[in-house]
């Protein structure tokens, strides 16, 4: 089942961050990831959004996402991001739904249904 990685990033050194960006896609592509969204000015529907960049990516499964994130190549590249920004990064589990139908409440985790 697909997993999604969301990164909410506050960039404080664009020049250093550009070094991270320059090598990102080559490494990312080796693990079958799909870039879904990169936005520096999202439309905020509720609350505050103090991040300078938000990224949403998809992997076929958690094994692939973990392999990418923990790879030596990505960890070396990520040093540029860590020095250039502060980020909150999380992996979200996808929701399965029958083809052509919307996801049903029964497919959602209990804690999501009860909100």
Protein backbone atom coordinates (compact mmCIF):
# COMPACT_ATOMS: atom_id res chain seq x y z
CA UNK A 1 0.00 0.00 0.00
CA UNK A 2 1.27 3.47 -0.86
CA UNK A 3 2.79 5.68 1.80
CA UNK A 4 3.11 9.45 1.66
CA UNK A 5 5.89 11.54 3.08
CA UNK A 6 5.13 15.11 4.03
CA UNK A 7 7.85 17.60 4.85
CA UNK A 8 7.12 21.03 6.29
CA UNK A 9 10.31 23.01 5.91
CA UNK A 10 11.58 26.40 7.07
CA UNK A 11 14.54 27.34 4.88
CA UNK A 12 17.01 29.83 6.34
CA UNK A 13 19.88 29.41 3.86
CA UNK A 14 18.68 29.21 0.25
CA UNK A 15 22.16 28.85 -1.20
CA UNK A 16 22.96 25.81 0.92
CA UNK A 17 19.47 24.39 0.34
CA UNK A 18 20.09 24.65 -3.43
CA UNK A 19 22.93 22.12 -2.99
CA UNK A 20 20.38 19.70 -1.52
CA UNK A 21 17.95 20.33 -4.37
CA UNK A 22 20.65 19.77 -6.99
CA UNK A 23 21.17 16.15 -5.95
CA UNK A 24 17.70 15.26 -4.72
CA UNK A 25 15.91 13.88 -7.80
CA UNK A 26 18.74 11.58 -8.86
CA UNK A 27 18.72 9.78 -5.50
CA UNK A 28 14.94 9.99 -5.05
CA UNK A 29 14.30 8.41 -8.46
CA UNK A 30 16.35 5.34 -7.60
CA UNK A 31 13.75 4.33 -5.00
CA UNK A 32 10.61 4.71 -7.09
CA UNK A 33 9.36 7.83 -5.34
CA UNK A 34 6.85 10.15 -6.98
CA UNK A 35 6.88 13.89 -6.33
CA UNK A 36 3.25 14.94 -5.83
CA UNK A 37 3.55 18.55 -4.63
CA UNK A 38 6.08 21.22 -3.72
CA UNK A 39 4.58 24.50 -2.59
CA UNK A 40 5.99 27.62 -0.98
CA UNK A 41 2.63 29.39 -0.73
CA UNK A 42 -0.18 26.88 -0.10
CA UNK A 43 -3.73 28.05 0.42
CA UNK A 44 -4.27 27.73 4.16
CA UNK A 45 -7.81 26.63 5.02
CA UNK A 46 -7.40 26.54 8.80
CA UNK A 47 -4.81 27.59 11.33
CA UNK A 48 -1.32 28.85 10.64
CA UNK A 49 1.19 27.61 8.06
CA UNK A 50 4.54 29.17 8.95
CA UNK A 51 6.59 26.92 6.65
CA UNK A 52 8.57 28.26 3.70
CA UNK A 53 8.14 25.01 1.75
CA UNK A 54 5.86 21.99 1.94
CA UNK A 55 6.64 18.79 0.05
CA UNK A 56 4.40 15.78 -0.52
CA UNK A 57 5.81 12.59 -2.05
CA UNK A 58 4.58 9.03 -2.54
CA UNK A 59 6.30 5.66 -2.42
CA UNK A 60 4.83 2.28 -3.32
CA UNK A 61 5.32 1.08 0.26
CA UNK A 62 7.03 1.90 3.54
CA UNK A 63 9.95 -0.40 2.74
CA UNK A 64 10.80 1.77 -0.31
CA UNK A 65 10.37 5.01 1.64
CA UNK A 66 12.63 3.77 4.44
CA UNK A 67 15.22 2.48 1.97
CA UNK A 68 15.40 5.92 0.32
CA UNK A 69 15.51 7.92 3.54
CA UNK A 70 18.07 5.65 5.24
CA UNK A 71 20.30 5.22 2.18
CA UNK A 72 23.88 6.42 2.50
CA UNK A 73 23.45 8.61 -0.59
CA UNK A 74 20.38 10.40 0.79
CA UNK A 75 21.84 10.79 4.28
CA UNK A 76 24.95 12.45 2.80
CA UNK A 77 22.79 14.77 0.70
CA UNK A 78 20.44 15.54 3.59
CA UNK A 79 23.33 17.18 5.46
CA UNK A 80 22.82 20.20 3.18
CA UNK A 81 19.12 20.36 4.07
CA UNK A 82 19.81 19.99 7.79
CA UNK A 83 22.29 22.87 7.69
CA UNK A 84 20.03 25.06 5.54
CA UNK A 85 16.65 24.47 7.14
CA UNK A 86 14.53 23.10 9.95
CA UNK A 87 11.88 20.55 9.01
CA UNK A 88 9.09 18.37 10.32
CA UNK A 89 8.96 15.17 8.24
CA UNK A 90 6.46 12.30 8.61
CA UNK A 91 5.37 9.19 6.73
CA UNK A 92 1.60 8.75 6.38
CA UNK A 93 -0.03 5.41 5.58
CA UNK A 94 -2.26 5.47 2.50
CA UNK A 95 -5.91 4.41 2.66
CA UNK A 96 -7.11 1.59 0.44
CA UNK A 97 -10.40 1.85 -1.40
CA UNK A 98 -12.04 -0.37 -4.04
CA UNK A 99 -11.29 0.81 -7.57
CA UNK A 100 -13.67 3.54 -8.70
CA UNK A 101 -15.17 4.08 -5.23
CA UNK A 102 -14.43 6.59 -2.50
CA UNK A 103 -12.71 5.36 0.64
CA UNK A 104 -15.28 4.18 3.17
CA UNK A 105 -15.26 5.09 6.84
CA UNK A 106 -14.76 1.42 7.73
CA UNK A 107 -11.38 1.56 5.95
CA UNK A 108 -10.14 4.40 8.15
CA UNK A 109 -8.30 3.82 11.44
CA UNK A 110 -10.57 3.94 14.52
CA UNK A 111 -8.96 7.13 15.82
CA UNK A 112 -9.83 8.89 12.53
CA UNK A 113 -13.47 7.72 12.50
CA UNK A 114 -14.11 8.93 16.04
CA UNK A 115 -13.17 12.58 15.38
